[in-house]
Protein backbone atom coordinates (compact mmCIF):
# COMPACT_ATOMS: atom_id res chain seq x y z
CA UNK A 1 89.69 94.82 50.09
CA UNK A 2 92.32 92.64 47.78
CA UNK A 3 93.85 89.73 49.45
CA UNK A 4 97.61 89.55 48.62
CA UNK A 5 99.56 86.36 49.01
CA UNK A 6 103.23 85.77 49.65
CA UNK A 7 105.51 83.89 47.55
CA UNK A 8 105.83 81.20 50.50
CA UNK A 9 102.13 81.09 51.04
CA UNK A 10 101.65 80.28 47.44
CA UNK A 11 104.36 77.55 47.64
CA UNK A 12 102.54 76.12 50.96
CA UNK A 13 99.24 76.05 49.24
CA UNK A 14 100.64 74.39 45.93
CA UNK A 15 102.02 71.59 48.07
CA UNK A 16 98.76 71.07 49.85
CA UNK A 17 96.94 70.65 46.78
CA UNK A 18 99.56 68.04 45.69
CA UNK A 19 99.26 66.41 48.85
CA UNK A 20 95.69 65.85 48.38
CA UNK A 21 95.79 64.74 44.87
CA UNK A 22 98.71 62.05 44.94
CA UNK A 23 97.15 59.80 46.98
CA UNK A 24 94.14 59.49 44.37
CA UNK A 25 96.34 59.02 41.57
CA UNK A 26 98.11 56.35 42.97
CA UNK A 27 95.10 54.43 44.57
CA UNK A 28 93.81 54.29 40.67
CA UNK A 29 96.99 53.71 38.75
CA UNK A 30 97.60 52.82 35.57
CA UNK A 31 96.15 50.12 33.98
CA UNK A 32 98.73 47.07 33.54
CA UNK A 33 99.94 46.08 30.19
CA UNK A 34 101.62 42.96 28.58
CA UNK A 35 105.00 44.16 29.61
CA UNK A 36 104.31 45.31 33.32
CA UNK A 37 105.83 42.80 35.85
CA UNK A 38 103.32 43.76 38.29
CA UNK A 39 101.60 40.48 39.55
CA UNK A 40 97.71 40.23 38.36
CA UNK A 41 95.11 40.35 41.30
CA UNK A 42 94.09 37.45 43.12
CA UNK A 43 91.20 35.38 41.49
CA UNK A 44 88.17 36.10 43.52
CA UNK A 45 86.06 32.96 44.76
CA UNK A 46 82.50 32.55 44.60
CA UNK A 47 81.87 31.32 47.92
CA UNK A 48 80.36 27.86 46.78
CA UNK A 49 83.06 25.57 47.88
CA UNK A 50 81.89 23.29 45.05
CA UNK A 51 82.41 25.69 42.47
CA UNK A 52 85.52 27.01 44.01
CA UNK A 53 87.40 23.91 44.03
CA UNK A 54 86.76 23.77 40.43
CA UNK A 55 87.84 27.25 39.67
CA UNK A 56 91.19 26.71 41.94
CA UNK A 57 92.33 24.23 39.52
CA UNK A 58 91.40 26.16 36.35
CA UNK A 59 93.04 29.10 38.02
CA UNK A 60 96.50 27.44 38.70
CA UNK A 61 96.81 24.62 35.75
CA UNK A 62 100.10 22.37 36.23
CA UNK A 63 103.02 23.18 33.89
CA UNK A 64 103.75 19.59 33.42
CA UNK A 65 104.09 18.27 29.71
CA UNK A 66 100.85 17.07 28.38
CA UNK A 67 99.03 17.23 24.83
CA UNK A 68 95.00 16.92 24.75
CA UNK A 69 92.49 17.02 21.90
CA UNK A 70 88.60 18.31 21.71
CA UNK A 71 85.92 18.53 19.94
CA UNK A 72 84.36 21.76 19.83
CA UNK A 73 80.69 22.87 19.12
CA UNK A 74 79.68 26.59 18.60
CA UNK A 75 76.02 26.77 19.64
CA UNK A 76 75.20 29.60 17.60
CA UNK A 77 75.46 28.26 13.73
CA UNK A 78 75.65 24.70 14.91
CA UNK A 79 79.33 24.55 14.02
CA UNK A 80 81.74 21.90 15.16
CA UNK A 81 85.52 21.60 15.04
CA UNK A 82 88.42 20.25 16.75
CA UNK A 83 90.87 22.28 19.55
CA UNK A 84 94.43 20.64 20.30
CA UNK A 85 96.42 21.59 23.33
CA UNK A 86 100.26 21.03 23.94
CA UNK A 87 101.94 21.96 27.10
CA UNK A 88 105.79 21.80 26.99
CA UNK A 89 109.12 22.74 29.16
CA UNK A 90 110.16 26.12 29.88
CA UNK A 91 106.64 27.49 29.31
CA UNK A 92 105.79 26.61 26.07
CA UNK A 93 102.26 26.47 24.62
CA UNK A 94 100.64 25.20 21.19
CA UNK A 95 96.88 25.62 20.80
CA UNK A 96 95.37 24.85 17.42
CA UNK A 97 91.70 26.02 16.97
CA UNK A 98 90.47 24.30 13.68
CA UNK A 99 93.29 24.86 11.16
CA UNK A 100 95.02 27.34 12.99
CA UNK A 101 97.85 27.21 15.65
CA UNK A 102 98.85 29.44 17.97
CA UNK A 103 102.54 28.93 19.46
CA UNK A 104 104.35 30.70 22.35
CA UNK A 105 107.39 29.99 24.09
CA UNK A 106 110.84 31.80 25.32
CA UNK A 107 111.77 31.92 21.57
CA UNK A 108 108.70 34.15 20.74
CA UNK A 109 105.02 33.42 19.39
CA UNK A 110 103.47 32.63 16.10
CA UNK A 111 100.27 32.40 14.23
CA UNK A 112 100.31 29.64 11.21
CA UNK A 113 97.67 29.09 9.13
CA UNK A 114 97.66 26.64 6.03
CA UNK A 115 99.13 29.82 4.02
CA UNK A 116 102.24 30.02 6.53
CA UNK A 117 102.97 31.65 9.80
CA UNK A 118 103.39 35.15 11.32
CA UNK A 119 105.09 36.53 14.08
CA UNK A 120 102.67 37.17 17.05
CA UNK A 121 99.42 35.78 18.44
CA UNK A 122 96.63 36.94 15.71
CA UNK A 123 93.76 35.98 17.83
CA UNK A 124 91.07 36.90 14.79
CA UNK A 125 92.45 34.16 12.81
CA UNK A 126 90.17 31.65 14.87
CA UNK A 127 87.50 34.20 15.71
CA UNK A 128 84.89 31.93 14.16
CA UNK A 129 85.59 29.00 16.35
CA UNK A 130 83.83 30.07 19.55
CA UNK A 131 86.49 29.93 21.90
CA UNK A 132 90.13 31.48 22.54
CA UNK A 133 93.50 29.91 22.76
CA UNK A 134 92.80 30.61 26.72
CA UNK A 135 89.76 27.99 26.60
CA UNK A 136 91.60 25.25 28.41
CA UNK A 137 92.01 27.10 31.80
CA UNK A 138 91.68 30.96 31.87
CA UNK A 139 88.80 31.33 29.45
CA UNK A 140 86.88 28.63 31.02
CA UNK A 141 87.55 30.01 34.51
CA UNK A 142 86.19 33.39 33.56
CA UNK A 143 82.96 31.68 32.15
CA UNK A 144 82.64 29.62 35.34
CA UNK A 145 82.54 32.51 37.44
CA UNK A 146 79.86 34.39 35.01
CA UNK A 147 77.91 31.46 35.48
CA UNK A 148 78.15 31.06 39.14
CA UNK A 149 76.85 34.70 39.43
CA UNK A 150 73.71 33.74 37.21
CA UNK A 151 72.80 30.40 38.89
CA UNK A 152 69.48 30.21 39.90
CA UNK A 153 69.81 27.06 42.44
CA UNK A 154 72.19 24.81 43.98
CA UNK A 155 74.77 23.11 42.16
CA UNK A 156 75.66 19.19 41.47
CA UNK A 157 79.00 17.70 41.84
CA UNK A 158 80.19 14.70 40.09
CA UNK A 159 83.22 12.84 39.67
CA UNK A 160 83.83 10.59 36.65
CA UNK A 161 86.35 9.72 34.01
CA UNK A 162 86.53 11.25 30.58
CA UNK A 163 89.35 10.04 28.00
CA UNK A 164 90.43 7.69 30.63
CA UNK A 165 91.00 10.51 32.76
CA UNK A 166 89.80 11.04 36.31
CA UNK A 167 87.70 14.44 36.21
CA UNK A 168 85.73 16.75 38.45
CA UNK A 169 82.49 18.46 37.58
CA UNK A 170 79.97 21.04 38.67
CA UNK A 171 76.73 21.39 37.02
CA UNK A 172 75.01 24.73 37.52
CA UNK A 173 71.24 25.15 37.10
CA UNK A 174 71.15 28.65 34.90
CA UNK A 175 68.44 30.27 32.79
CA UNK A 176 67.60 27.97 29.86
CA UNK A 177 69.13 25.15 31.06
CA UNK A 178 72.42 23.66 33.22
CA UNK A 179 76.11 24.99 32.56
CA UNK A 180 78.69 22.31 32.83
CA UNK A 181 82.29 22.56 33.91
CA UNK A 182 84.79 19.59 34.27
CA UNK A 183 88.36 19.76 35.05
CA UNK A 184 91.30 17.10 34.90
CA UNK A 185 93.32 17.14 38.20
CA UNK A 186 96.07 18.91 36.39
CA UNK A 187 93.73 21.95 36.25
CA UNK A 188 93.20 21.66 32.46
CA UNK A 189 89.69 21.99 31.20
CA UNK A 190 88.16 18.63 30.47
CA UNK A 191 84.17 19.98 29.60
CA UNK A 192 82.61 23.00 29.06
CA UNK A 193 78.89 23.31 27.94
CA UNK A 194 77.20 26.66 28.50
CA UNK A 195 74.87 28.42 26.37
CA UNK A 196 77.78 29.54 23.95
CA UNK A 197 79.79 26.79 23.07
CA UNK A 198 80.19 22.77 24.33
CA UNK A 199 83.99 21.87 24.66
CA UNK A 200 84.89 17.97 25.61
CA UNK A 201 88.19 16.17 25.83
CA UNK A 202 88.55 13.41 23.19
CA UNK A 203 92.02 12.32 23.67
CA UNK A 204 94.95 12.78 26.52
CA UNK A 205 98.46 12.32 26.83
CA UNK A 206 100.87 13.25 29.81
CA UNK A 207 103.55 13.96 27.24
CA UNK A 208 104.38 16.01 24.45
CA UNK A 209 106.71 16.44 21.54
CA UNK A 210 109.19 19.16 20.78
CA UNK A 211 107.83 19.32 16.85
CA UNK A 212 104.80 20.86 18.95
CA UNK A 213 106.40 24.25 19.61
CA UNK A 214 108.32 24.88 16.64
CA UNK A 215 107.90 27.76 14.65
CA UNK A 216 108.53 27.26 10.92
């Protein structure tokens, strides 16, 4: 026996299928892109109050003007270099890794090397340093979350000074040693020492110069 559906039945069935599919698509949704205005997900905490206290600072660094210099050791190959961070008004940032400077701000962004500047952030220009242009906050927070998930014992907490600045530190026992994360009261990284790199603050100033953010 052949089953014959009316046009009205077919429309009803189509709407039923669509109603089942659409919620799934909405729940998954497209991945956000750089042009999206969608707010990022709230950062997850670890549940350890000492680790989370450092994470909260790294997740929300101050926008106040400042400059900081760092020594950087990439442990693979024992390569040392320097890093420089400047924060200015209006969301301006200048990060120098080795001899490569990355500048961002309302006027645009640029990557500058000894050979000149190019528009945009070209991360590969400093890929051999061992850290990213977000090393001073977001990248340090990501590394801390990774080590928090891998810790093999209780963390240690320290409050001390570095480059004449008060810093807050957590020491995490992990396989192969101890991972160290220290942060300034402003939420800017002071020390990062994990299995890959050691980054340490050497100088700090609560000011920055306009020249830091100029794009030639």
